[in-house]
Structures are given as C-alpha cells and as structure tokens.
Amino acid sequence: MSRKEANSRSTAGGRAKGPASKPAAMLRAQQSAASALAELVEVNFAVVRACERGVLAGRDIEPLHDLRVAVRRLRTLLEQILQAPGTP
C-alpha cells in the first residue's frame, strides 16, 4: 500500500476520498529515529495540507476535525523531540 493510499479513506454515501484522521506512516525496524520522526512529521503535515481546501470551503466538518487532529499530533511530536536527551 502506498503512503497516499494509507493516508486516504472512503466515506459513506460515495463521497470523495479525503485525508485520514489516522494517517499510516510506513516505519521500519531498521529505520533511524531521526528518519522515523521526519516521516511522522511529513505524513501528518500532508494531512494538514490535504485538509486545507475542505476547511476553507466550509461545507463539511470532517476536514476541520482531521486538520485539528493532525496539528495536535505534530505538536506532540515536536514536544517529544524537544524533550529528548541531548536536545538544547
């Protein structure tokens, strides 16, 4: 499954696919911590960008919810990075 497929979902009623509120990062056991963090940030930022048009259109609350969840996840990731040993 591609990252794009992992980050989209079908909604009921035949509506178009949109960003997932639970994006799937493709992390590997042998991946470095820095690479894994970069991928998690990238995946969540992609959800933020994908929600932008839907939020501005204001026709549905789902894009706003997905955007808020992605921003919350990004904020948590960044807080964890700043608390890591060796971080200034």
PDB file of N, CA and C in Angstrom:
ATOM      1  N   MET A   1       0.847  -1.176   0.000  1.00  0.00           N
ATOM      2  CA  MET A   1       0.000   0.000   0.000  1.00  0.00           C
ATOM      3  C   MET A   1       0.889   1.235   0.000  1.00  0.00           C
ATOM      4  N   SER A   2       0.608   2.188  -0.858  1.00  0.00           N
ATOM      5  CA  SER A   2       1.406   3.405  -0.924  1.00  0.00           C
ATOM      6  C   SER A   2       1.042   4.325   0.231  1.00  0.00           C
ATOM      7  N   ARG A   3       1.893   5.304   0.495  1.00  0.00           N
ATOM      8  CA  ARG A   3       1.614   6.275   1.557  1.00  0.00           C
ATOM      9  C   ARG A   3       0.344   7.039   1.239  1.00  0.00           C
ATOM     10  N   LYS A   4       0.154   7.373  -0.045  1.00  0.00           N
ATOM     11  CA  LYS A   4      -1.039   8.110  -0.430  1.00  0.00           C
ATOM     12  C   LYS A   4      -2.293   7.290  -0.139  1.00  0.00           C
ATOM     13  N   GLU A   5      -2.257   6.009  -0.450  1.00  0.00           N
ATOM     14  CA  GLU A   5      -3.395   5.138  -0.163  1.00  0.00           C
ATOM     15  C   GLU A   5      -3.603   4.995   1.335  1.00  0.00           C
ATOM     16  N   ALA A   6      -2.513   4.917   2.085  1.00  0.00           N
ATOM     17  CA  ALA A   6      -2.613   4.757   3.529  1.00  0.00           C
ATOM     18  C   ALA A   6      -3.195   6.001   4.185  1.00  0.00           C
ATOM     19  N   ASN A   7      -3.049   7.152   3.536  1.00  0.00           N
ATOM     20  CA  ASN A   7      -3.496   8.405   4.125  1.00  0.00           C
ATOM     21  C   ASN A   7      -4.851   8.860   3.610  1.00  0.00           C
ATOM     22  N   SER A   8      -5.553   8.012   2.868  1.00  0.00           N
ATOM     23  CA  SER A   8      -6.869   8.408   2.394  1.00  0.00           C
ATOM     24  C   SER A   8      -7.899   7.383   2.847  1.00  0.00           C
ATOM     25  N   ARG A   9      -9.141   7.793   2.838  1.00  0.00           N
ATOM     26  CA  ARG A   9     -10.202   6.901   3.254  1.00  0.00           C
ATOM     27  C   ARG A   9     -11.423   7.182   2.409  1.00  0.00           C
ATOM     28  N   SER A  10     -12.286   6.193   2.282  1.00  0.00           N
ATOM     29  CA  SER A  10     -13.567   6.378   1.611  1.00  0.00           C
ATOM     30  C   SER A  10     -14.587   6.736   2.665  1.00  0.00           C
ATOM     31  N   THR A  11     -15.499   7.603   2.314  1.00  0.00           N
ATOM     32  CA  THR A  11     -16.545   7.970   3.255  1.00  0.00           C
ATOM     33  C   THR A  11     -17.858   7.388   2.780  1.00  0.00           C
ATOM     34  N   ALA A  12     -18.810   7.312   3.672  1.00  0.00           N
ATOM     35  CA  ALA A  12     -20.125   6.741   3.343  1.00  0.00           C
ATOM     36  C   ALA A  12     -20.837   7.615   2.322  1.00  0.00           C
ATOM     37  N   GLY A  13     -21.723   7.001   1.589  1.00  0.00           N
ATOM     38  CA  GLY A  13     -22.527   7.751   0.642  1.00  0.00           C
ATOM     39  C   GLY A  13     -21.817   8.092  -0.649  1.00  0.00           C
ATOM     40  N   GLY A  14     -20.679   7.464  -0.927  1.00  0.00           N
ATOM     41  CA  GLY A  14     -19.989   7.688  -2.183  1.00  0.00           C
ATOM     42  C   GLY A  14     -19.263   9.008  -2.277  1.00  0.00           C
ATOM     43  N   ARG A  15     -19.037   9.650  -1.160  1.00  0.00           N
ATOM     44  CA  ARG A  15     -18.313  10.920  -1.189  1.00  0.00           C
ATOM     45  C   ARG A  15     -16.875  10.683  -1.579  1.00  0.00           C
ATOM     46  N   ALA A  16     -16.219  11.723  -2.017  1.00  0.00           N
ATOM     47  CA  ALA A  16     -14.823  11.623  -2.461  1.00  0.00           C
ATOM     48  C   ALA A  16     -13.915  11.265  -1.299  1.00  0.00           C
ATOM     49  N   LYS A  17     -12.788  10.673  -1.636  1.00  0.00           N
ATOM     50  CA  LYS A  17     -11.804  10.333  -0.615  1.00  0.00           C
ATOM     51  C   LYS A  17     -11.184  11.604  -0.068  1.00  0.00           C
ATOM     52  N   GLY A  18     -10.797  11.550   1.188  1.00  0.00           N
ATOM     53  CA  GLY A  18     -10.153  12.689   1.821  1.00  0.00           C
ATOM     54  C   GLY A  18      -9.056  12.206   2.722  1.00  0.00           C
ATOM     55  N   PRO A  19      -8.375  13.122   3.405  1.00  0.00           N
ATOM     56  CA  PRO A  19      -7.287  12.731   4.294  1.00  0.00           C
ATOM     57  C   PRO A  19      -7.811  11.939   5.481  1.00  0.00           C
ATOM     58  N   ALA A  20      -7.025  11.022   5.933  1.00  0.00           N
ATOM     59  CA  ALA A  20      -7.416  10.211   7.081  1.00  0.00           C
ATOM     60  C   ALA A  20      -7.054  10.931   8.365  1.00  0.00           C
ATOM     61  N   SER A  21      -7.893  10.790   9.376  1.00  0.00           N
ATOM     62  CA  SER A  21      -7.540  11.371  10.663  1.00  0.00           C
ATOM     63  C   SER A  21      -6.511  10.499  11.368  1.00  0.00           C
ATOM     64  N   LYS A  22      -6.312   9.263  10.871  1.00  0.00           N
ATOM     65  CA  LYS A  22      -5.295   8.373  11.409  1.00  0.00           C
ATOM     66  C   LYS A  22      -4.350   7.968  10.284  1.00  0.00           C
ATOM     67  N   PRO A  23      -3.430   8.864   9.910  1.00  0.00           N
ATOM     68  CA  PRO A  23      -2.523   8.542   8.813  1.00  0.00           C
ATOM     69  C   PRO A  23      -1.601   7.390   9.182  1.00  0.00           C
ATOM     70  N   ALA A  24      -1.205   6.631   8.205  1.00  0.00           N
ATOM     71  CA  ALA A  24      -0.343   5.478   8.436  1.00  0.00           C
ATOM     72  C   ALA A  24       1.059   5.776   7.928  1.00  0.00           C
ATOM     73  N   ALA A  25       1.993   5.893   8.838  1.00  0.00           N
ATOM     74  CA  ALA A  25       3.397   6.054   8.459  1.00  0.00           C
ATOM     75  C   ALA A  25       3.980   4.663   8.251  1.00  0.00           C
ATOM     76  N   MET A  26       4.810   4.535   7.267  1.00  0.00           N
ATOM     77  CA  MET A  26       5.426   3.246   6.956  1.00  0.00           C
ATOM     78  C   MET A  26       6.804   3.163   7.618  1.00  0.00           C
ATOM     79  N   LEU A  27       6.824   2.944   8.926  1.00  0.00           N
ATOM     80  CA  LEU A  27       8.077   2.879   9.673  1.00  0.00           C
ATOM     81  C   LEU A  27       8.635   1.467   9.622  1.00  0.00           C
ATOM     82  N   ARG A  28       9.969   1.374   9.655  1.00  0.00           N
ATOM     83  CA  ARG A  28      10.650   0.081   9.606  1.00  0.00           C
ATOM     84  C   ARG A  28      11.531  -0.080  10.840  1.00  0.00           C
ATOM     85  N   ALA A  29      11.735  -1.306  11.261  1.00  0.00           N
ATOM     86  CA  ALA A  29      12.520  -1.591  12.464  1.00  0.00           C
ATOM     87  C   ALA A  29      13.945  -1.067  12.344  1.00  0.00           C
ATOM     88  N   GLN A  30      14.537  -1.136  11.168  1.00  0.00           N
ATOM     89  CA  GLN A  30      15.925  -0.713  11.000  1.00  0.00           C
ATOM     90  C   GLN A  30      16.060   0.788  10.698  1.00  0.00           C
ATOM     91  N   GLN A  31      14.962   1.502  10.707  1.00  0.00           N
ATOM     92  CA  GLN A  31      14.960   2.935  10.419  1.00  0.00           C
ATOM     93  C   GLN A  31      15.531   3.708  11.606  1.00  0.00           C
ATOM     94  N   SER A  32      16.303   4.756  11.320  1.00  0.00           N
ATOM     95  CA  SER A  32      16.851   5.577  12.404  1.00  0.00           C
ATOM     96  C   SER A  32      15.733   6.402  13.047  1.00  0.00           C
ATOM     97  N   ALA A  33      15.975   6.826  14.265  1.00  0.00           N
ATOM     98  CA  ALA A  33      14.972   7.634  14.982  1.00  0.00           C
ATOM     99  C   ALA A  33      14.712   8.940  14.241  1.00  0.00           C
ATOM    100  N   ALA A  34      15.775   9.570  13.742  1.00  0.00           N
ATOM    101  CA  ALA A  34      15.621  10.834  13.019  1.00  0.00           C
ATOM    102  C   ALA A  34      14.781  10.640  11.753  1.00  0.00           C
ATOM    103  N   SER A  35      15.027   9.557  11.046  1.00  0.00           N
ATOM    104  CA  SER A  35      14.270   9.265   9.831  1.00  0.00           C
ATOM    105  C   SER A  35      12.806   8.972  10.163  1.00  0.00           C
ATOM    106  N   ALA A  36      12.561   8.231  11.231  1.00  0.00           N
ATOM    107  CA  ALA A  36      11.190   7.914  11.638  1.00  0.00           C
ATOM    108  C   ALA A  36      10.436   9.185  12.029  1.00  0.00           C
ATOM    109  N   LEU A  37      11.083  10.056  12.790  1.00  0.00           N
ATOM    110  CA  LEU A  37      10.444  11.310  13.182  1.00  0.00           C
ATOM    111  C   LEU A  37      10.141  12.165  11.966  1.00  0.00           C
ATOM    112  N   ALA A  38      11.092  12.222  11.035  1.00  0.00           N
ATOM    113  CA  ALA A  38      10.875  13.002   9.813  1.00  0.00           C
ATOM    114  C   ALA A  38       9.680  12.460   9.038  1.00  0.00           C
ATOM    115  N   GLU A  39       9.562  11.153   8.965  1.00  0.00           N
ATOM    116  CA  GLU A  39       8.442  10.554   8.245  1.00  0.00           C
ATOM    117  C   GLU A  39       7.117  10.839   8.942  1.00  0.00           C
ATOM    118  N   LEU A  40       7.091  10.758  10.266  1.00  0.00           N
ATOM    119  CA  LEU A  40       5.865  11.054  11.003  1.00  0.00           C
ATOM    120  C   LEU A  40       5.440  12.508  10.818  1.00  0.00           C
ATOM    121  N   VAL A  41       6.409  13.420  10.842  1.00  0.00           N
ATOM    122  CA  VAL A  41       6.099  14.832  10.612  1.00  0.00           C
ATOM    123  C   VAL A  41       5.579  15.021   9.185  1.00  0.00           C
ATOM    124  N   GLU A  42       6.242  14.390   8.223  1.00  0.00           N
ATOM    125  CA  GLU A  42       5.832  14.510   6.816  1.00  0.00           C
ATOM    126  C   GLU A  42       4.409  13.999   6.595  1.00  0.00           C
ATOM    127  N   VAL A  43       4.094  12.847   7.149  1.00  0.00           N
ATOM    128  CA  VAL A  43       2.767  12.251   6.967  1.00  0.00           C
ATOM    129  C   VAL A  43       1.688  13.144   7.585  1.00  0.00           C
ATOM    130  N   ASN A  44       1.921  13.646   8.781  1.00  0.00           N
ATOM    131  CA  ASN A  44       0.918  14.484   9.434  1.00  0.00           C
ATOM    132  C   ASN A  44       0.798  15.845   8.763  1.00  0.00           C
ATOM    133  N   PHE A  45       1.909  16.383   8.276  1.00  0.00           N
ATOM    134  CA  PHE A  45       1.843  17.661   7.564  1.00  0.00           C
ATOM    135  C   PHE A  45       1.084  17.494   6.250  1.00  0.00           C
ATOM    136  N   ALA A  46       1.224  16.340   5.608  1.00  0.00           N
ATOM    137  CA  ALA A  46       0.473  16.061   4.381  1.00  0.00           C
ATOM    138  C   ALA A  46      -1.029  16.062   4.659  1.00  0.00           C
ATOM    139  N   VAL A  47      -1.428  15.559   5.820  1.00  0.00           N
ATOM    140  CA  VAL A  47      -2.852  15.587   6.190  1.00  0.00           C
ATOM    141  C   VAL A  47      -3.304  17.037   6.367  1.00  0.00           C
ATOM    142  N   VAL A  48      -2.490  17.849   7.021  1.00  0.00           N
ATOM    143  CA  VAL A  48      -2.823  19.272   7.202  1.00  0.00           C
ATOM    144  C   VAL A  48      -3.036  19.931   5.843  1.00  0.00           C
ATOM    145  N   ARG A  49      -2.103  19.710   4.935  1.00  0.00           N
ATOM    146  CA  ARG A  49      -2.212  20.324   3.595  1.00  0.00           C
ATOM    147  C   ARG A  49      -3.427  19.793   2.830  1.00  0.00           C
ATOM    148  N   ALA A  50      -3.710  18.509   2.959  1.00  0.00           N
ATOM    149  CA  ALA A  50      -4.832  17.915   2.242  1.00  0.00           C
ATOM    150  C   ALA A  50      -6.175  18.434   2.771  1.00  0.00           C
ATOM    151  N   CYS A  51      -6.214  18.835   4.016  1.00  0.00           N
ATOM    152  CA  CYS A  51      -7.465  19.326   4.623  1.00  0.00           C
ATOM    153  C   CYS A  51      -7.725  20.795   4.307  1.00  0.00           C
ATOM    154  N   GLU A  52      -6.709  21.494   3.888  1.00  0.00           N
ATOM    155  CA  GLU A  52      -6.792  22.943   3.719  1.00  0.00           C
ATOM    156  C   GLU A  52      -7.984  23.381   2.860  1.00  0.00           C
ATOM    157  N   ARG A  53      -8.124  22.794   1.699  1.00  0.00           N
ATOM    158  CA  ARG A  53      -9.199  23.199   0.787  1.00  0.00           C
ATOM    159  C   ARG A  53     -10.583  22.919   1.388  1.00  0.00           C
ATOM    160  N   GLY A  54     -10.738  21.760   2.019  1.00  0.00           N
ATOM    161  CA  GLY A  54     -12.026  21.414   2.620  1.00  0.00           C
ATOM    162  C   GLY A  54     -12.404  22.325   3.774  1.00  0.00           C
ATOM    163  N   VAL A  55     -11.402  22.705   4.567  1.00  0.00           N
ATOM    164  CA  VAL A  55     -11.661  23.613   5.689  1.00  0.00           C
ATOM    165  C   VAL A  55     -12.098  24.974   5.163  1.00  0.00           C
ATOM    166  N   LEU A  56     -11.402  25.469   4.149  1.00  0.00           N
ATOM    167  CA  LEU A  56     -11.739  26.779   3.596  1.00  0.00           C
ATOM    168  C   LEU A  56     -13.100  26.782   2.910  1.00  0.00           C
ATOM    169  N   ALA A  57     -13.488  25.645   2.331  1.00  0.00           N
ATOM    170  CA  ALA A  57     -14.798  25.554   1.678  1.00  0.00           C
ATOM    171  C   ALA A  57     -15.921  25.607   2.706  1.00  0.00           C
ATOM    172  N   GLY A  58     -15.680  25.039   3.893  1.00  0.00           N
ATOM    173  CA  GLY A  58     -16.651  25.110   4.975  1.00  0.00           C
ATOM    174  C   GLY A  58     -17.924  24.311   4.779  1.00  0.00           C
ATOM    175  N   ARG A  59     -17.916  23.334   3.871  1.00  0.00           N
ATOM    176  CA  ARG A  59     -19.129  22.552   3.617  1.00  0.00           C
ATOM    177  C   ARG A  59     -19.267  21.345   4.526  1.00  0.00           C
ATOM    178  N   ASP A  60     -18.172  20.900   5.126  1.00  0.00           N
ATOM    179  CA  ASP A  60     -18.185  19.672   5.921  1.00  0.00           C
ATOM    180  C   ASP A  60     -17.253  19.873   7.113  1.00  0.00           C
ATOM    181  N   ILE A  61     -17.588  19.287   8.252  1.00  0.00           N
ATOM    182  CA  ILE A  61     -16.745  19.455   9.436  1.00  0.00           C
ATOM    183  C   ILE A  61     -15.589  18.456   9.483  1.00  0.00           C
ATOM    184  N   GLU A  62     -15.657  17.390   8.684  1.00  0.00           N
ATOM    185  CA  GLU A  62     -14.607  16.367   8.733  1.00  0.00           C
ATOM    186  C   GLU A  62     -13.214  16.903   8.415  1.00  0.00           C
ATOM    187  N   PRO A  63     -13.034  17.731   7.371  1.00  0.00           N
ATOM    188  CA  PRO A  63     -11.690  18.247   7.112  1.00  0.00           C
ATOM    189  C   PRO A  63     -11.143  19.065   8.292  1.00  0.00           C
ATOM    190  N   LEU A  64     -12.000  19.815   8.952  1.00  0.00           N
ATOM    191  CA  LEU A  64     -11.562  20.593  10.112  1.00  0.00           C
ATOM    192  C   LEU A  64     -11.130  19.670  11.240  1.00  0.00           C
ATOM    193  N   HIS A  65     -11.907  18.627  11.488  1.00  0.00           N
ATOM    194  CA  HIS A  65     -11.545  17.665  12.523  1.00  0.00           C
ATOM    195  C   HIS A  65     -10.209  17.002  12.194  1.00  0.00           C
ATOM    196  N   ASP A  66     -10.061  16.538  10.951  1.00  0.00           N
ATOM    197  CA  ASP A  66      -8.822  15.874  10.543  1.00  0.00           C
ATOM    198  C   ASP A  66      -7.628  16.812  10.653  1.00  0.00           C
ATOM    199  N   LEU A  67      -7.821  18.081  10.286  1.00  0.00           N
ATOM    200  CA  LEU A  67      -6.743  19.065  10.400  1.00  0.00           C
ATOM    201  C   LEU A  67      -6.347  19.263  11.858  1.00  0.00           C
ATOM    202  N   ARG A  68      -7.325  19.413  12.738  1.00  0.00           N
ATOM    203  CA  ARG A  68      -7.026  19.628  14.150  1.00  0.00           C
ATOM    204  C   ARG A  68      -6.300  18.437  14.760  1.00  0.00           C
ATOM    205  N   VAL A  69      -6.705  17.221  14.391  1.00  0.00           N
ATOM    206  CA  VAL A  69      -6.034  16.021  14.899  1.00  0.00           C
ATOM    207  C   VAL A  69      -4.597  15.967  14.404  1.00  0.00           C
ATOM    208  N   ALA A  70      -4.378  16.266  13.125  1.00  0.00           N
ATOM    209  CA  ALA A  70      -3.016  16.245  12.567  1.00  0.00           C
ATOM    210  C   ALA A  70      -2.135  17.295  13.230  1.00  0.00           C
ATOM    211  N   VAL A  71      -2.679  18.478  13.473  1.00  0.00           N
ATOM    212  CA  VAL A  71      -1.901  19.535  14.145  1.00  0.00           C
ATOM    213  C   VAL A  71      -1.566  19.114  15.574  1.00  0.00           C
ATOM    214  N   ARG A  72      -2.512  18.488  16.253  1.00  0.00           N
ATOM    215  CA  ARG A  72      -2.257  18.015  17.615  1.00  0.00           C
ATOM    216  C   ARG A  72      -1.143  16.970  17.616  1.00  0.00           C
ATOM    217  N   ARG A  73      -1.169  16.070  16.639  1.00  0.00           N
ATOM    218  CA  ARG A  73      -0.113  15.052  16.546  1.00  0.00           C
ATOM    219  C   ARG A  73       1.238  15.690  16.247  1.00  0.00           C
ATOM    220  N   LEU A  74       1.265  16.681  15.366  1.00  0.00           N
ATOM    221  CA  LEU A  74       2.517  17.373  15.066  1.00  0.00           C
ATOM    222  C   LEU A  74       3.060  18.073  16.309  1.00  0.00           C
ATOM    223  N   ARG A  75       2.182  18.721  17.036  1.00  0.00           N
ATOM    224  CA  ARG A  75       2.605  19.422  18.259  1.00  0.00           C
ATOM    225  C   ARG A  75       3.190  18.434  19.271  1.00  0.00           C
ATOM    226  N   THR A  76       2.556  17.283  19.420  1.00  0.00           N
ATOM    227  CA  THR A  76       3.055  16.258  20.337  1.00  0.00           C
ATOM    228  C   THR A  76       4.412  15.732  19.884  1.00  0.00           C
ATOM    229  N   LEU A  77       4.572  15.482  18.585  1.00  0.00           N
ATOM    230  CA  LEU A  77       5.867  15.026  18.063  1.00  0.00           C
ATOM    231  C   LEU A  77       6.964  16.040  18.367  1.00  0.00           C
ATOM    232  N   LEU A  78       6.678  17.299  18.111  1.00  0.00           N
ATOM    233  CA  LEU A  78       7.682  18.336  18.349  1.00  0.00           C
ATOM    234  C   LEU A  78       8.006  18.480  19.835  1.00  0.00           C
ATOM    235  N   GLU A  79       7.003  18.360  20.691  1.00  0.00           N
ATOM    236  CA  GLU A  79       7.262  18.400  22.128  1.00  0.00           C
ATOM    237  C   GLU A  79       8.157  17.243  22.551  1.00  0.00           C
ATOM    238  N   GLN A  80       7.921  16.052  21.994  1.00  0.00           N
ATOM    239  CA  GLN A  80       8.751  14.884  22.316  1.00  0.00           C
ATOM    240  C   GLN A  80      10.179  15.071  21.841  1.00  0.00           C
ATOM    241  N   ILE A  81      10.338  15.639  20.662  1.00  0.00           N
ATOM    242  CA  ILE A  81      11.682  15.900  20.124  1.00  0.00           C
ATOM    243  C   ILE A  81      12.434  16.850  21.067  1.00  0.00           C
ATOM    244  N   LEU A  82      11.766  17.886  21.535  1.00  0.00           N
ATOM    245  CA  LEU A  82      12.426  18.873  22.399  1.00  0.00           C
ATOM    246  C   LEU A  82      12.760  18.299  23.765  1.00  0.00           C
ATOM    247  N   GLN A  83      12.073  17.252  24.196  1.00  0.00           N
ATOM    248  CA  GLN A  83      12.346  16.626  25.493  1.00  0.00           C
ATOM    249  C   GLN A  83      13.385  15.511  25.403  1.00  0.00           C
ATOM    250  N   ALA A  84      13.810  15.189  24.209  1.00  0.00           N
ATOM    251  CA  ALA A  84      14.768  14.088  24.021  1.00  0.00           C
ATOM    252  C   ALA A  84      16.130  14.464  24.630  1.00  0.00           C
ATOM    253  N   PRO A  85      16.831  13.486  25.187  1.00  0.00           N
ATOM    254  CA  PRO A  85      18.160  13.756  25.739  1.00  0.00           C
ATOM    255  C   PRO A  85      19.088  14.309  24.657  1.00  0.00           C
ATOM    256  N   GLY A  86      19.875  15.305  25.036  1.00  0.00           N
ATOM    257  CA  GLY A  86      20.820  15.899  24.103  1.00  0.00           C
ATOM    258  C   GLY A  86      20.247  17.031  23.279  1.00  0.00           C
ATOM    259  N   THR A  87      18.952  17.340  23.469  1.00  0.00           N
ATOM    260  CA  THR A  87      18.336  18.438  22.747  1.00  0.00           C
ATOM    261  C   THR A  87      18.579  19.710  23.542  1.00  0.00           C
ATOM    262  N   PRO A  88      19.068  20.752  22.870  1.00  0.00           N
ATOM    263  CA  PRO A  88      19.332  22.024  23.592  1.00  0.00           C
ATOM    264  C   PRO A  88      18.072  22.688  24.098  1.00  0.00           C
TER     265      PRO A  88
END
